[in-house]
Amino acid sequence: MGRQKERERGARPPVCQYCATIADTAGPGLPLGWTIQTGVRGWIYLCTACTRSNLRSIESRLFDRDTLRFGTLN
């Protein structure tokens, strides 16, 4: 229901930052496999193909090893 109201108000569907693929927003939320990242300019959307090709880069930003103290004895 929320997506329908957004379309009526003229909201644009999410577009992949890297390859400019437009998300199919027929269902609720983003299609499976799409990811959202936060950046300097706000939210950045990545399609399934770009998510797969950039997975290591995405995972490397999830955790800071020093903060979580990996590799140290407690």
PDB file of N, CA and C in Angstrom:
ATOM      1  N   MET A   1       0.820  -1.192   0.000  1.00  0.00           N
ATOM      2  CA  MET A   1       0.000   0.000   0.000  1.00  0.00           C
ATOM      3  C   MET A   1       0.864   1.256   0.000  1.00  0.00           C
ATOM      4  N   GLY A   2       1.971   1.235   0.725  1.00  0.00           N
ATOM      5  CA  GLY A   2       2.837   2.401   0.802  1.00  0.00           C
ATOM      6  C   GLY A   2       3.473   2.743  -0.529  1.00  0.00           C
ATOM      7  N   ARG A   3       3.893   1.714  -1.282  1.00  0.00           N
ATOM      8  CA  ARG A   3       4.514   1.953  -2.590  1.00  0.00           C
ATOM      9  C   ARG A   3       3.530   2.601  -3.553  1.00  0.00           C
ATOM     10  N   GLN A   4       2.272   2.172  -3.500  1.00  0.00           N
ATOM     11  CA  GLN A   4       1.266   2.740  -4.392  1.00  0.00           C
ATOM     12  C   GLN A   4       1.112   4.231  -4.122  1.00  0.00           C
ATOM     13  N   LYS A   5       1.086   4.625  -2.870  1.00  0.00           N
ATOM     14  CA  LYS A   5       0.948   6.042  -2.532  1.00  0.00           C
ATOM     15  C   LYS A   5       2.172   6.832  -2.966  1.00  0.00           C
ATOM     16  N   GLU A   6       3.375   6.214  -2.851  1.00  0.00           N
ATOM     17  CA  GLU A   6       4.590   6.894  -3.298  1.00  0.00           C
ATOM     18  C   GLU A   6       4.546   7.133  -4.802  1.00  0.00           C
ATOM     19  N   ARG A   7       4.076   6.120  -5.569  1.00  0.00           N
ATOM     20  CA  ARG A   7       3.987   6.284  -7.021  1.00  0.00           C
ATOM     21  C   ARG A   7       2.985   7.360  -7.396  1.00  0.00           C
ATOM     22  N   GLU A   8       1.894   7.436  -6.657  1.00  0.00           N
ATOM     23  CA  GLU A   8       0.885   8.467  -6.939  1.00  0.00           C
ATOM     24  C   GLU A   8       1.448   9.858  -6.699  1.00  0.00           C
ATOM     25  N   ARG A   9       2.353   9.991  -5.739  1.00  0.00           N
ATOM     26  CA  ARG A   9       2.971  11.292  -5.459  1.00  0.00           C
ATOM     27  C   ARG A   9       4.148  11.584  -6.378  1.00  0.00           C
ATOM     28  N   GLY A  10       4.491  10.657  -7.268  1.00  0.00           N
ATOM     29  CA  GLY A  10       5.572  10.893  -8.222  1.00  0.00           C
ATOM     30  C   GLY A  10       6.937  10.474  -7.743  1.00  0.00           C
ATOM     31  N   ALA A  11       7.003   9.584  -6.752  1.00  0.00           N
ATOM     32  CA  ALA A  11       8.299   9.115  -6.260  1.00  0.00           C
ATOM     33  C   ALA A  11       8.975   8.254  -7.322  1.00  0.00           C
ATOM     34  N   ARG A  12      10.284   8.396  -7.434  1.00  0.00           N
ATOM     35  CA  ARG A  12      11.049   7.622  -8.420  1.00  0.00           C
ATOM     36  C   ARG A  12      11.440   6.270  -7.845  1.00  0.00           C
ATOM     37  N   PRO A  13      11.463   5.228  -8.679  1.00  0.00           N
ATOM     38  CA  PRO A  13      11.931   3.927  -8.190  1.00  0.00           C
ATOM     39  C   PRO A  13      13.441   3.966  -7.974  1.00  0.00           C
ATOM     40  N   PRO A  14      13.963   3.116  -7.099  1.00  0.00           N
ATOM     41  CA  PRO A  14      15.416   3.077  -6.872  1.00  0.00           C
ATOM     42  C   PRO A  14      16.169   2.690  -8.143  1.00  0.00           C
ATOM     43  N   VAL A  15      17.344   3.300  -8.317  1.00  0.00           N
ATOM     44  CA  VAL A  15      18.195   3.045  -9.483  1.00  0.00           C
ATOM     45  C   VAL A  15      19.565   2.616  -8.971  1.00  0.00           C
ATOM     46  N   CYS A  16      20.142   1.575  -9.592  1.00  0.00           N
ATOM     47  CA  CYS A  16      21.466   1.090  -9.208  1.00  0.00           C
ATOM     48  C   CYS A  16      22.508   2.184  -9.456  1.00  0.00           C
ATOM     49  N   GLN A  17      23.339   2.421  -8.467  1.00  0.00           N
ATOM     50  CA  GLN A  17      24.363   3.454  -8.547  1.00  0.00           C
ATOM     51  C   GLN A  17      25.402   3.162  -9.621  1.00  0.00           C
ATOM     52  N   TYR A  18      25.723   1.873  -9.857  1.00  0.00           N
ATOM     53  CA  TYR A  18      26.793   1.519 -10.775  1.00  0.00           C
ATOM     54  C   TYR A  18      26.339   1.310 -12.212  1.00  0.00           C
ATOM     55  N   CYS A  19      25.228   0.568 -12.410  1.00  0.00           N
ATOM     56  CA  CYS A  19      24.843   0.218 -13.785  1.00  0.00           C
ATOM     57  C   CYS A  19      23.539   0.865 -14.245  1.00  0.00           C
ATOM     58  N   ALA A  20      22.912   1.651 -13.410  1.00  0.00           N
ATOM     59  CA  ALA A  20      21.691   2.404 -13.724  1.00  0.00           C
ATOM     60  C   ALA A  20      20.483   1.520 -14.020  1.00  0.00           C
ATOM     61  N   THR A  21      20.465   0.291 -13.490  1.00  0.00           N
ATOM     62  CA  THR A  21      19.293  -0.561 -13.605  1.00  0.00           C
ATOM     63  C   THR A  21      18.201  -0.014 -12.693  1.00  0.00           C
ATOM     64  N   ILE A  22      16.978   0.038 -13.184  1.00  0.00           N
ATOM     65  CA  ILE A  22      15.854   0.532 -12.402  1.00  0.00           C
ATOM     66  C   ILE A  22      15.198  -0.647 -11.696  1.00  0.00           C
ATOM     67  N   ALA A  23      14.942  -0.507 -10.397  1.00  0.00           N
ATOM     68  CA  ALA A  23      14.344  -1.586  -9.612  1.00  0.00           C
ATOM     69  C   ALA A  23      12.882  -1.765  -9.980  1.00  0.00           C
ATOM     70  N   ASP A  24      12.460  -3.021 -10.049  1.00  0.00           N
ATOM     71  CA  ASP A  24      11.059  -3.348 -10.271  1.00  0.00           C
ATOM     72  C   ASP A  24      10.368  -3.301  -8.917  1.00  0.00           C
ATOM     73  N   THR A  25       9.598  -2.279  -8.678  1.00  0.00           N
ATOM     74  CA  THR A  25       8.971  -2.085  -7.369  1.00  0.00           C
ATOM     75  C   THR A  25       7.507  -2.494  -7.378  1.00  0.00           C
ATOM     76  N   ALA A  26       7.178  -3.530  -8.146  1.00  0.00           N
ATOM     77  CA  ALA A  26       5.796  -4.001  -8.173  1.00  0.00           C
ATOM     78  C   ALA A  26       5.393  -4.587  -6.820  1.00  0.00           C
ATOM     79  N   GLY A  27       6.318  -5.224  -6.144  1.00  0.00           N
ATOM     80  CA  GLY A  27       6.041  -5.803  -4.831  1.00  0.00           C
ATOM     81  C   GLY A  27       6.447  -4.846  -3.725  1.00  0.00           C
ATOM     82  N   PRO A  28       6.294  -5.284  -2.488  1.00  0.00           N
ATOM     83  CA  PRO A  28       6.698  -4.425  -1.360  1.00  0.00           C
ATOM     84  C   PRO A  28       8.215  -4.373  -1.225  1.00  0.00           C
ATOM     85  N   GLY A  29       8.774  -3.226  -1.050  1.00  0.00           N
ATOM     86  CA  GLY A  29      10.206  -3.081  -0.850  1.00  0.00           C
ATOM     87  C   GLY A  29      11.027  -3.275  -2.108  1.00  0.00           C
ATOM     88  N   LEU A  30      12.330  -3.460  -1.909  1.00  0.00           N
ATOM     89  CA  LEU A  30      13.245  -3.700  -3.022  1.00  0.00           C
ATOM     90  C   LEU A  30      13.160  -5.153  -3.477  1.00  0.00           C
ATOM     91  N   PRO A  31      13.501  -5.422  -4.734  1.00  0.00           N
ATOM     92  CA  PRO A  31      13.575  -6.820  -5.181  1.00  0.00           C
ATOM     93  C   PRO A  31      14.669  -7.565  -4.413  1.00  0.00           C
ATOM     94  N   LEU A  32      14.550  -8.882  -4.342  1.00  0.00           N
ATOM     95  CA  LEU A  32      15.548  -9.688  -3.649  1.00  0.00           C
ATOM     96  C   LEU A  32      16.921  -9.500  -4.283  1.00  0.00           C
ATOM     97  N   GLY A  33      17.937  -9.395  -3.444  1.00  0.00           N
ATOM     98  CA  GLY A  33      19.308  -9.259  -3.930  1.00  0.00           C
ATOM     99  C   GLY A  33      19.790  -7.819  -4.000  1.00  0.00           C
ATOM    100  N   TRP A  34      18.899  -6.852  -3.998  1.00  0.00           N
ATOM    101  CA  TRP A  34      19.305  -5.454  -4.015  1.00  0.00           C
ATOM    102  C   TRP A  34      19.792  -5.068  -2.625  1.00  0.00           C
ATOM    103  N   THR A  35      20.768  -4.156  -2.562  1.00  0.00           N
ATOM    104  CA  THR A  35      21.274  -3.684  -1.280  1.00  0.00           C
ATOM    105  C   THR A  35      21.202  -2.166  -1.214  1.00  0.00           C
ATOM    106  N   ILE A  36      21.184  -1.684   0.010  1.00  0.00           N
ATOM    107  CA  ILE A  36      21.185  -0.245   0.264  1.00  0.00           C
ATOM    108  C   ILE A  36      22.418   0.061   1.100  1.00  0.00           C
ATOM    109  N   GLN A  37      23.174   1.067   0.688  1.00  0.00           N
ATOM    110  CA  GLN A  37      24.324   1.519   1.450  1.00  0.00           C
ATOM    111  C   GLN A  37      24.133   2.991   1.759  1.00  0.00           C
ATOM    112  N   THR A  38      24.722   3.440   2.836  1.00  0.00           N
ATOM    113  CA  THR A  38      24.693   4.858   3.134  1.00  0.00           C
ATOM    114  C   THR A  38      25.979   5.486   2.651  1.00  0.00           C
ATOM    115  N   GLY A  39      25.858   6.639   2.061  1.00  0.00           N
ATOM    116  CA  GLY A  39      27.017   7.351   1.549  1.00  0.00           C
ATOM    117  C   GLY A  39      26.941   8.815   1.913  1.00  0.00           C
ATOM    118  N   VAL A  40      27.850   9.577   1.396  1.00  0.00           N
ATOM    119  CA  VAL A  40      27.896  11.005   1.670  1.00  0.00           C
ATOM    120  C   VAL A  40      26.638  11.701   1.159  1.00  0.00           C
ATOM    121  N   ARG A  41      26.123  11.235   0.040  1.00  0.00           N
ATOM    122  CA  ARG A  41      24.942  11.856  -0.569  1.00  0.00           C
ATOM    123  C   ARG A  41      23.634  11.177  -0.196  1.00  0.00           C
ATOM    124  N   GLY A  42      23.652  10.294   0.772  1.00  0.00           N
ATOM    125  CA  GLY A  42      22.426   9.607   1.176  1.00  0.00           C
ATOM    126  C   GLY A  42      22.480   8.134   0.839  1.00  0.00           C
ATOM    127  N   TRP A  43      21.329   7.562   0.578  1.00  0.00           N
ATOM    128  CA  TRP A  43      21.254   6.138   0.288  1.00  0.00           C
ATOM    129  C   TRP A  43      21.732   5.834  -1.114  1.00  0.00           C
ATOM    130  N   ILE A  44      22.481   4.735  -1.243  1.00  0.00           N
ATOM    131  CA  ILE A  44      22.979   4.250  -2.529  1.00  0.00           C
ATOM    132  C   ILE A  44      22.411   2.853  -2.733  1.00  0.00           C
ATOM    133  N   TYR A  45      21.766   2.640  -3.861  1.00  0.00           N
ATOM    134  CA  TYR A  45      21.180   1.345  -4.183  1.00  0.00           C
ATOM    135  C   TYR A  45      22.094   0.580  -5.133  1.00  0.00           C
ATOM    136  N   LEU A  46      22.196  -0.741  -4.915  1.00  0.00           N
ATOM    137  CA  LEU A  46      22.955  -1.611  -5.810  1.00  0.00           C
ATOM    138  C   LEU A  46      22.060  -2.777  -6.229  1.00  0.00           C
ATOM    139  N   CYS A  47      22.032  -3.068  -7.533  1.00  0.00           N
ATOM    140  CA  CYS A  47      21.241  -4.185  -8.038  1.00  0.00           C
ATOM    141  C   CYS A  47      21.913  -5.501  -7.663  1.00  0.00           C
ATOM    142  N   THR A  48      21.261  -6.594  -7.970  1.00  0.00           N
ATOM    143  CA  THR A  48      21.776  -7.913  -7.615  1.00  0.00           C
ATOM    144  C   THR A  48      23.145  -8.178  -8.240  1.00  0.00           C
ATOM    145  N   ALA A  49      23.307  -7.881  -9.521  1.00  0.00           N
ATOM    146  CA  ALA A  49      24.583  -8.144 -10.201  1.00  0.00           C
ATOM    147  C   ALA A  49      25.713  -7.298  -9.615  1.00  0.00           C
ATOM    148  N   CYS A  50      25.459  -6.030  -9.362  1.00  0.00           N
ATOM    149  CA  CYS A  50      26.494  -5.156  -8.802  1.00  0.00           C
ATOM    150  C   CYS A  50      26.785  -5.506  -7.346  1.00  0.00           C
ATOM    151  N   THR A  51      25.773  -5.954  -6.617  1.00  0.00           N
ATOM    152  CA  THR A  51      25.994  -6.404  -5.245  1.00  0.00           C
ATOM    153  C   THR A  51      26.941  -7.591  -5.234  1.00  0.00           C
ATOM    154  N   ARG A  52      26.712  -8.552  -6.122  1.00  0.00           N
ATOM    155  CA  ARG A  52      27.579  -9.727  -6.184  1.00  0.00           C
ATOM    156  C   ARG A  52      28.999  -9.368  -6.575  1.00  0.00           C
ATOM    157  N   SER A  53      29.155  -8.457  -7.523  1.00  0.00           N
ATOM    158  CA  SER A  53      30.500  -8.114  -7.970  1.00  0.00           C
ATOM    159  C   SER A  53      31.252  -7.260  -6.952  1.00  0.00           C
ATOM    160  N   ASN A  54      30.551  -6.598  -6.048  1.00  0.00           N
ATOM    161  CA  ASN A  54      31.187  -5.740  -5.054  1.00  0.00           C
ATOM    162  C   ASN A  54      31.049  -6.274  -3.639  1.00  0.00           C
ATOM    163  N   LEU A  55      30.791  -7.568  -3.493  1.00  0.00           N
ATOM    164  CA  LEU A  55      30.517  -8.141  -2.182  1.00  0.00           C
ATOM    165  C   LEU A  55      31.675  -7.984  -1.208  1.00  0.00           C
ATOM    166  N   ARG A  56      32.891  -8.223  -1.640  1.00  0.00           N
ATOM    167  CA  ARG A  56      34.043  -8.079  -0.736  1.00  0.00           C
ATOM    168  C   ARG A  56      34.199  -6.651  -0.238  1.00  0.00           C
ATOM    169  N   SER A  57      33.967  -5.708  -1.103  1.00  0.00           N
ATOM    170  CA  SER A  57      34.056  -4.311  -0.702  1.00  0.00           C
ATOM    171  C   SER A  57      32.991  -3.966   0.333  1.00  0.00           C
ATOM    172  N   ILE A  58      31.800  -4.493   0.134  1.00  0.00           N
ATOM    173  CA  ILE A  58      30.705  -4.239   1.073  1.00  0.00           C
ATOM    174  C   ILE A  58      31.012  -4.880   2.422  1.00  0.00           C
ATOM    175  N   GLU A  59      31.465  -6.135   2.405  1.00  0.00           N
ATOM    176  CA  GLU A  59      31.763  -6.838   3.647  1.00  0.00           C
ATOM    177  C   GLU A  59      32.901  -6.187   4.422  1.00  0.00           C
ATOM    178  N   SER A  60      33.867  -5.625   3.732  1.00  0.00           N
ATOM    179  CA  SER A  60      35.011  -5.023   4.430  1.00  0.00           C
ATOM    180  C   SER A  60      34.607  -3.789   5.221  1.00  0.00           C
ATOM    181  N   ARG A  61      33.512  -3.168   4.861  1.00  0.00           N
ATOM    182  CA  ARG A  61      33.053  -1.982   5.581  1.00  0.00           C
ATOM    183  C   ARG A  61      32.091  -2.297   6.710  1.00  0.00           C
ATOM    184  N   LEU A  62      31.721  -3.567   6.890  1.00  0.00           N
ATOM    185  CA  LEU A  62      30.749  -3.908   7.920  1.00  0.00           C
ATOM    186  C   LEU A  62      31.318  -3.797   9.329  1.00  0.00           C
ATOM    187  N   PHE A  63      32.522  -4.290   9.525  1.00  0.00           N
ATOM    188  CA  PHE A  63      33.094  -4.332  10.870  1.00  0.00           C
ATOM    189  C   PHE A  63      34.491  -3.743  10.866  1.00  0.00           C
ATOM    190  N   ASP A  64      34.820  -3.127  11.952  1.00  0.00           N
ATOM    191  CA  ASP A  64      36.169  -2.634  12.153  1.00  0.00           C
ATOM    192  C   ASP A  64      36.880  -3.636  13.058  1.00  0.00           C
ATOM    193  N   ARG A  65      37.935  -4.274  12.542  1.00  0.00           N
ATOM    194  CA  ARG A  65      38.613  -5.334  13.286  1.00  0.00           C
ATOM    195  C   ARG A  65      39.145  -4.835  14.636  1.00  0.00           C
ATOM    196  N   ASP A  66      39.658  -3.624  14.699  1.00  0.00           N
ATOM    197  CA  ASP A  66      40.214  -3.128  15.954  1.00  0.00           C
ATOM    198  C   ASP A  66      39.124  -2.923  17.002  1.00  0.00           C
ATOM    199  N   THR A  67      37.964  -2.479  16.582  1.00  0.00           N
ATOM    200  CA  THR A  67      36.872  -2.257  17.521  1.00  0.00           C
ATOM    201  C   THR A  67      36.386  -3.567  18.101  1.00  0.00           C
ATOM    202  N   LEU A  68      36.326  -4.605  17.280  1.00  0.00           N
ATOM    203  CA  LEU A  68      35.829  -5.901  17.748  1.00  0.00           C
ATOM    204  C   LEU A  68      36.908  -6.753  18.409  1.00  0.00           C
ATOM    205  N   ARG A  69      38.164  -6.293  18.340  1.00  0.00           N
ATOM    206  CA  ARG A  69      39.318  -6.953  18.976  1.00  0.00           C
ATOM    207  C   ARG A  69      39.512  -8.381  18.479  1.00  0.00           C
ATOM    208  N   PHE A  70      39.426  -8.565  17.160  1.00  0.00           N
ATOM    209  CA  PHE A  70      39.726  -9.873  16.582  1.00  0.00           C
ATOM    210  C   PHE A  70      41.214 -10.141  16.702  1.00  0.00           C
ATOM    211  N   GLY A  71      41.557 -11.362  17.026  1.00  0.00           N
ATOM    212  CA  GLY A  71      42.959 -11.751  17.081  1.00  0.00           C
ATOM    213  C   GLY A  71      43.645 -11.423  18.374  1.00  0.00           C
ATOM    214  N   THR A  72      42.926 -10.887  19.346  1.00  0.00           N
ATOM    215  CA  THR A  72      43.546 -10.595  20.643  1.00  0.00           C
ATOM    216  C   THR A  72      43.005 -11.561  21.673  1.00  0.00           C
ATOM    217  N   LEU A  73      43.803 -11.866  22.672  1.00  0.00           N
ATOM    218  CA  LEU A  73      43.379 -12.725  23.765  1.00  0.00           C
ATOM    219  C   LEU A  73      42.752 -11.885  24.850  1.00  0.00           C
ATOM    220  N   ASN A  74      41.655 -12.373  25.375  1.00  0.00           N
ATOM    221  CA  ASN A  74      40.976 -11.632  26.457  1.00  0.00           C
ATOM    222  C   ASN A  74      41.399 -12.130  27.794  1.00  0.00           C
TER     223      ASN A  74
END
